[in-house]
Amino acid sequence: MQGSCWAWASDGSPPLNGRYPAARDATVSPTETFGDVLKHWRSRAGLSLHQLEKAVGMSATNLSRIERGLVGPPTTEWLDKLAAALGAPRSRLYRAAGRIPPSDEDDRTDVIEAILTDPDFTQEEKSFLVNAVKFVRQHRGIRHQGPK
């Protein structure tokens, strides 16, 4: 197994009742843990634990432990790999893990990433919405740097 997510809580204390308390911010509900967020994005991507294991190189066992809150969120290196494999906004995983997202640029791609990963939109609707977001950003002087 590459890397390990076994760690003490961010304040140095051990996990409570074998579960890590969830990191909180404005984008994470009071009852939502990092594991909940990870499981949501994995389900949304239609991946099993074993498929995600193959995509990122972290064992399915460890991924399951994270989803169940038995271990804390992984390192930023793993957050980046998970976000890429799941099509999730990096900033969403960072915030759910109680970490500061790497850059403001990532926040600007969240809207487009959310549109592209939303299963409720047709390809035609996704194309229209992405073009609309790019048009608005272009006319506000904000250039999109993410995937096209």
C-alpha atoms as a PDB file:
ATOM      1  CA  MET A   1       0.000   0.000   0.000  1.00  0.00           C
ATOM      2  CA  GLN A   2       1.383   3.383  -0.993  1.00  0.00           C
ATOM      3  CA  GLY A   3       1.150   6.123   1.622  1.00  0.00           C
ATOM      4  CA  SER A   4      -0.910   5.894   4.741  1.00  0.00           C
ATOM      5  CA  CYS A   5      -3.833   7.845   6.065  1.00  0.00           C
ATOM      6  CA  TRP A   6      -3.451   6.633   9.663  1.00  0.00           C
ATOM      7  CA  ALA A   7      -2.956   9.812  11.601  1.00  0.00           C
ATOM      8  CA  TRP A   8      -4.019  11.643  14.711  1.00  0.00           C
ATOM      9  CA  ALA A   9      -6.543  14.465  14.505  1.00  0.00           C
ATOM     10  CA  SER A  10      -5.193  17.830  13.289  1.00  0.00           C
ATOM     11  CA  ASP A  11      -4.985  19.111  16.885  1.00  0.00           C
ATOM     12  CA  GLY A  12      -2.808  16.129  17.838  1.00  0.00           C
ATOM     13  CA  SER A  13      -5.542  14.287  19.711  1.00  0.00           C
ATOM     14  CA  PRO A  14      -6.531  10.695  18.952  1.00  0.00           C
ATOM     15  CA  PRO A  15      -9.768   9.942  17.081  1.00  0.00           C
ATOM     16  CA  LEU A  16     -12.917  10.005  19.212  1.00  0.00           C
ATOM     17  CA  ASN A  17     -14.668   6.637  19.540  1.00  0.00           C
ATOM     18  CA  GLY A  18     -12.509   5.349  16.696  1.00  0.00           C
ATOM     19  CA  ARG A  19     -13.874   8.033  14.331  1.00  0.00           C
ATOM     20  CA  TYR A  20     -12.296  11.299  13.313  1.00  0.00           C
ATOM     21  CA  PRO A  21     -14.348  14.435  13.841  1.00  0.00           C
ATOM     22  CA  ALA A  22     -15.304  16.042  10.555  1.00  0.00           C
ATOM     23  CA  ALA A  23     -13.568  19.175   9.362  1.00  0.00           C
ATOM     24  CA  ARG A  24     -16.018  22.035   9.007  1.00  0.00           C
ATOM     25  CA  ASP A  25     -16.368  25.120   6.866  1.00  0.00           C
ATOM     26  CA  ALA A  26     -19.157  26.913   5.041  1.00  0.00           C
ATOM     27  CA  THR A  27     -19.270  24.324   2.248  1.00  0.00           C
ATOM     28  CA  VAL A  28     -19.534  21.311   4.544  1.00  0.00           C
ATOM     29  CA  SER A  29     -22.718  20.697   6.500  1.00  0.00           C
ATOM     30  CA  PRO A  30     -22.459  20.152  10.275  1.00  0.00           C
ATOM     31  CA  THR A  31     -23.089  16.431   9.890  1.00  0.00           C
ATOM     32  CA  GLU A  32     -20.945  15.839   6.786  1.00  0.00           C
ATOM     33  CA  THR A  33     -17.524  14.209   7.183  1.00  0.00           C
ATOM     34  CA  PHE A  34     -14.685  14.031   4.687  1.00  0.00           C
ATOM     35  CA  GLY A  35     -15.639  10.391   4.213  1.00  0.00           C
ATOM     36  CA  ASP A  36     -19.181  11.438   3.284  1.00  0.00           C
ATOM     37  CA  VAL A  37     -17.847  13.862   0.691  1.00  0.00           C
ATOM     38  CA  LEU A  38     -15.465  11.260  -0.733  1.00  0.00           C
ATOM     39  CA  LYS A  39     -18.218   8.643  -0.956  1.00  0.00           C
ATOM     40  CA  HIS A  40     -20.564  11.159  -2.637  1.00  0.00           C
ATOM     41  CA  TRP A  41     -18.032  11.970  -5.351  1.00  0.00           C
ATOM     42  CA  ARG A  42     -17.058   8.312  -5.804  1.00  0.00           C
ATOM     43  CA  SER A  43     -20.712   7.341  -6.228  1.00  0.00           C
ATOM     44  CA  ARG A  44     -21.275  10.277  -8.558  1.00  0.00           C
ATOM     45  CA  ALA A  45     -18.347   9.113 -10.682  1.00  0.00           C
ATOM     46  CA  GLY A  46     -19.819   5.604 -10.725  1.00  0.00           C
ATOM     47  CA  LEU A  47     -16.672   4.018  -9.301  1.00  0.00           C
ATOM     48  CA  SER A  48     -16.372   1.111  -6.896  1.00  0.00           C
ATOM     49  CA  LEU A  49     -13.734   1.199  -4.178  1.00  0.00           C
ATOM     50  CA  HIS A  50     -11.622  -1.211  -6.228  1.00  0.00           C
ATOM     51  CA  GLN A  51     -11.915   0.933  -9.360  1.00  0.00           C
ATOM     52  CA  LEU A  52     -10.859   4.006  -7.388  1.00  0.00           C
ATOM     53  CA  GLU A  53      -7.980   1.985  -5.923  1.00  0.00           C
ATOM     54  CA  LYS A  54      -6.712   1.285  -9.445  1.00  0.00           C
ATOM     55  CA  ALA A  55      -7.131   4.916 -10.467  1.00  0.00           C
ATOM     56  CA  VAL A  56      -5.227   6.490  -7.564  1.00  0.00           C
ATOM     57  CA  GLY A  57      -3.053   3.734  -6.089  1.00  0.00           C
ATOM     58  CA  MET A  58      -4.539   3.789  -2.571  1.00  0.00           C
ATOM     59  CA  SER A  59      -5.912   0.488  -1.279  1.00  0.00           C
ATOM     60  CA  ALA A  60      -9.666  -0.084  -1.339  1.00  0.00           C
ATOM     61  CA  THR A  61      -9.408  -1.008   2.339  1.00  0.00           C
ATOM     62  CA  ASN A  62      -7.909   2.364   3.211  1.00  0.00           C
ATOM     63  CA  LEU A  63     -10.429   4.197   1.014  1.00  0.00           C
ATOM     64  CA  SER A  64     -13.229   2.372   2.831  1.00  0.00           C
ATOM     65  CA  ARG A  65     -11.763   3.341   6.210  1.00  0.00           C
ATOM     66  CA  ILE A  66     -11.649   6.977   5.125  1.00  0.00           C
ATOM     67  CA  GLU A  67     -15.266   6.873   3.914  1.00  0.00           C
ATOM     68  CA  ARG A  68     -16.374   5.327   7.214  1.00  0.00           C
ATOM     69  CA  GLY A  69     -14.473   7.921   9.264  1.00  0.00           C
ATOM     70  CA  LEU A  70     -12.154   5.363  10.844  1.00  0.00           C
ATOM     71  CA  VAL A  71      -9.111   7.326   9.699  1.00  0.00           C
ATOM     72  CA  GLY A  72      -8.662  10.991   8.977  1.00  0.00           C
ATOM     73  CA  PRO A  73      -8.510  12.630   5.566  1.00  0.00           C
ATOM     74  CA  PRO A  74      -5.456  11.803   3.437  1.00  0.00           C
ATOM     75  CA  THR A  75      -2.526  14.080   2.638  1.00  0.00           C
ATOM     76  CA  THR A  76      -2.827  16.818   0.021  1.00  0.00           C
ATOM     77  CA  GLU A  77      -1.004  14.604  -2.491  1.00  0.00           C
ATOM     78  CA  TRP A  78      -3.781  12.019  -2.146  1.00  0.00           C
ATOM     79  CA  LEU A  79      -6.485  14.709  -2.239  1.00  0.00           C
ATOM     80  CA  ASP A  80      -5.139  15.841  -5.618  1.00  0.00           C
ATOM     81  CA  LYS A  81      -5.123  12.273  -6.961  1.00  0.00           C
ATOM     82  CA  LEU A  82      -8.645  11.612  -5.657  1.00  0.00           C
ATOM     83  CA  ALA A  83     -10.014  14.849  -7.123  1.00  0.00           C
ATOM     84  CA  ALA A  84      -8.532  14.052 -10.538  1.00  0.00           C
ATOM     85  CA  ALA A  85      -9.848  10.478 -10.535  1.00  0.00           C
ATOM     86  CA  LEU A  86     -13.328  11.471  -9.347  1.00  0.00           C
ATOM     87  CA  GLY A  87     -13.748  14.625 -11.417  1.00  0.00           C
ATOM     88  CA  ALA A  88     -14.337  16.461  -8.146  1.00  0.00           C
ATOM     89  CA  PRO A  89     -13.248  20.047  -7.560  1.00  0.00           C
ATOM     90  CA  ARG A  90      -9.961  19.979  -5.661  1.00  0.00           C
ATOM     91  CA  SER A  91     -11.150  22.852  -3.502  1.00  0.00           C
ATOM     92  CA  ARG A  92     -14.195  20.823  -2.408  1.00  0.00           C
ATOM     93  CA  LEU A  93     -12.064  17.917  -1.198  1.00  0.00           C
ATOM     94  CA  TYR A  94      -9.537  20.248   0.453  1.00  0.00           C
ATOM     95  CA  ARG A  95     -12.270  22.089   2.335  1.00  0.00           C
ATOM     96  CA  ALA A  96     -13.967  18.865   3.409  1.00  0.00           C
ATOM     97  CA  ALA A  97     -10.564  17.709   4.719  1.00  0.00           C
ATOM     98  CA  GLY A  98     -10.221  20.944   6.693  1.00  0.00           C
ATOM     99  CA  ARG A  99      -7.439  22.293   4.489  1.00  0.00           C
ATOM    100  CA  ILE A 100      -7.000  25.500   2.544  1.00  0.00           C
ATOM    101  CA  PRO A 101      -7.423  24.898  -1.203  1.00  0.00           C
ATOM    102  CA  PRO A 102      -4.170  25.343  -3.161  1.00  0.00           C
ATOM    103  CA  SER A 103      -5.219  28.426  -5.162  1.00  0.00           C
ATOM    104  CA  ASP A 104      -8.032  30.781  -6.078  1.00  0.00           C
ATOM    105  CA  GLU A 105      -7.730  29.574  -9.674  1.00  0.00           C
ATOM    106  CA  ASP A 106      -9.108  26.206  -8.587  1.00  0.00           C
ATOM    107  CA  ASP A 107     -12.242  27.903  -7.262  1.00  0.00           C
ATOM    108  CA  ARG A 108     -12.862  29.426 -10.681  1.00  0.00           C
ATOM    109  CA  THR A 109     -12.937  25.985 -12.279  1.00  0.00           C
ATOM    110  CA  ASP A 110     -15.440  24.634  -9.751  1.00  0.00           C
ATOM    111  CA  VAL A 111     -18.457  25.824 -11.726  1.00  0.00           C
ATOM    112  CA  ILE A 112     -17.292  24.244 -14.962  1.00  0.00           C
ATOM    113  CA  GLU A 113     -16.234  21.030 -13.217  1.00  0.00           C
ATOM    114  CA  ALA A 114     -19.604  20.845 -11.473  1.00  0.00           C
ATOM    115  CA  ILE A 115     -21.424  21.287 -14.776  1.00  0.00           C
ATOM    116  CA  LEU A 116     -19.306  18.646 -16.524  1.00  0.00           C
ATOM    117  CA  THR A 117     -19.764  16.084 -13.751  1.00  0.00           C
ATOM    118  CA  ASP A 118     -23.488  16.647 -13.192  1.00  0.00           C
ATOM    119  CA  PRO A 119     -25.332  13.543 -14.453  1.00  0.00           C
ATOM    120  CA  ASP A 120     -28.616  15.465 -14.727  1.00  0.00           C
ATOM    121  CA  PHE A 121     -27.400  17.603 -17.639  1.00  0.00           C
ATOM    122  CA  THR A 122     -27.335  16.343 -21.220  1.00  0.00           C
ATOM    123  CA  GLN A 123     -24.156  16.856 -23.273  1.00  0.00           C
ATOM    124  CA  GLU A 124     -25.912  19.656 -25.142  1.00  0.00           C
ATOM    125  CA  GLU A 125     -26.875  21.390 -21.890  1.00  0.00           C
ATOM    126  CA  LYS A 126     -23.353  20.957 -20.498  1.00  0.00           C
ATOM    127  CA  SER A 127     -21.854  22.484 -23.629  1.00  0.00           C
ATOM    128  CA  PHE A 128     -24.257  25.440 -23.490  1.00  0.00           C
ATOM    129  CA  LEU A 129     -23.624  26.091 -19.781  1.00  0.00           C
ATOM    130  CA  VAL A 130     -19.829  25.793 -20.058  1.00  0.00           C
ATOM    131  CA  ASN A 131     -19.816  28.213 -23.000  1.00  0.00           C
ATOM    132  CA  ALA A 132     -22.020  30.624 -21.025  1.00  0.00           C
ATOM    133  CA  VAL A 133     -19.652  30.549 -18.036  1.00  0.00           C
ATOM    134  CA  LYS A 134     -16.631  31.083 -20.315  1.00  0.00           C
ATOM    135  CA  PHE A 135     -18.436  33.979 -22.045  1.00  0.00           C
ATOM    136  CA  VAL A 136     -19.200  35.691 -18.726  1.00  0.00           C
ATOM    137  CA  ARG A 137     -15.647  35.225 -17.485  1.00  0.00           C
ATOM    138  CA  GLN A 138     -14.187  36.534 -20.725  1.00  0.00           C
ATOM    139  CA  HIS A 139     -16.305  39.654 -20.531  1.00  0.00           C
ATOM    140  CA  ARG A 140     -15.377  40.226 -16.889  1.00  0.00           C
ATOM    141  CA  GLY A 141     -11.690  39.833 -17.704  1.00  0.00           C
ATOM    142  CA  ILE A 142     -11.349  36.492 -15.894  1.00  0.00           C
ATOM    143  CA  ARG A 143      -9.688  33.855 -18.056  1.00  0.00           C
ATOM    144  CA  HIS A 144     -10.471  30.181 -17.425  1.00  0.00           C
ATOM    145  CA  GLN A 145      -7.249  28.198 -17.045  1.00  0.00           C
ATOM    146  CA  GLY A 146      -8.665  24.705 -16.421  1.00  0.00           C
ATOM    147  CA  PRO A 147      -9.519  21.862 -18.803  1.00  0.00           C
ATOM    148  CA  LYS A 148     -11.512  22.795 -21.894  1.00  0.00           C
END
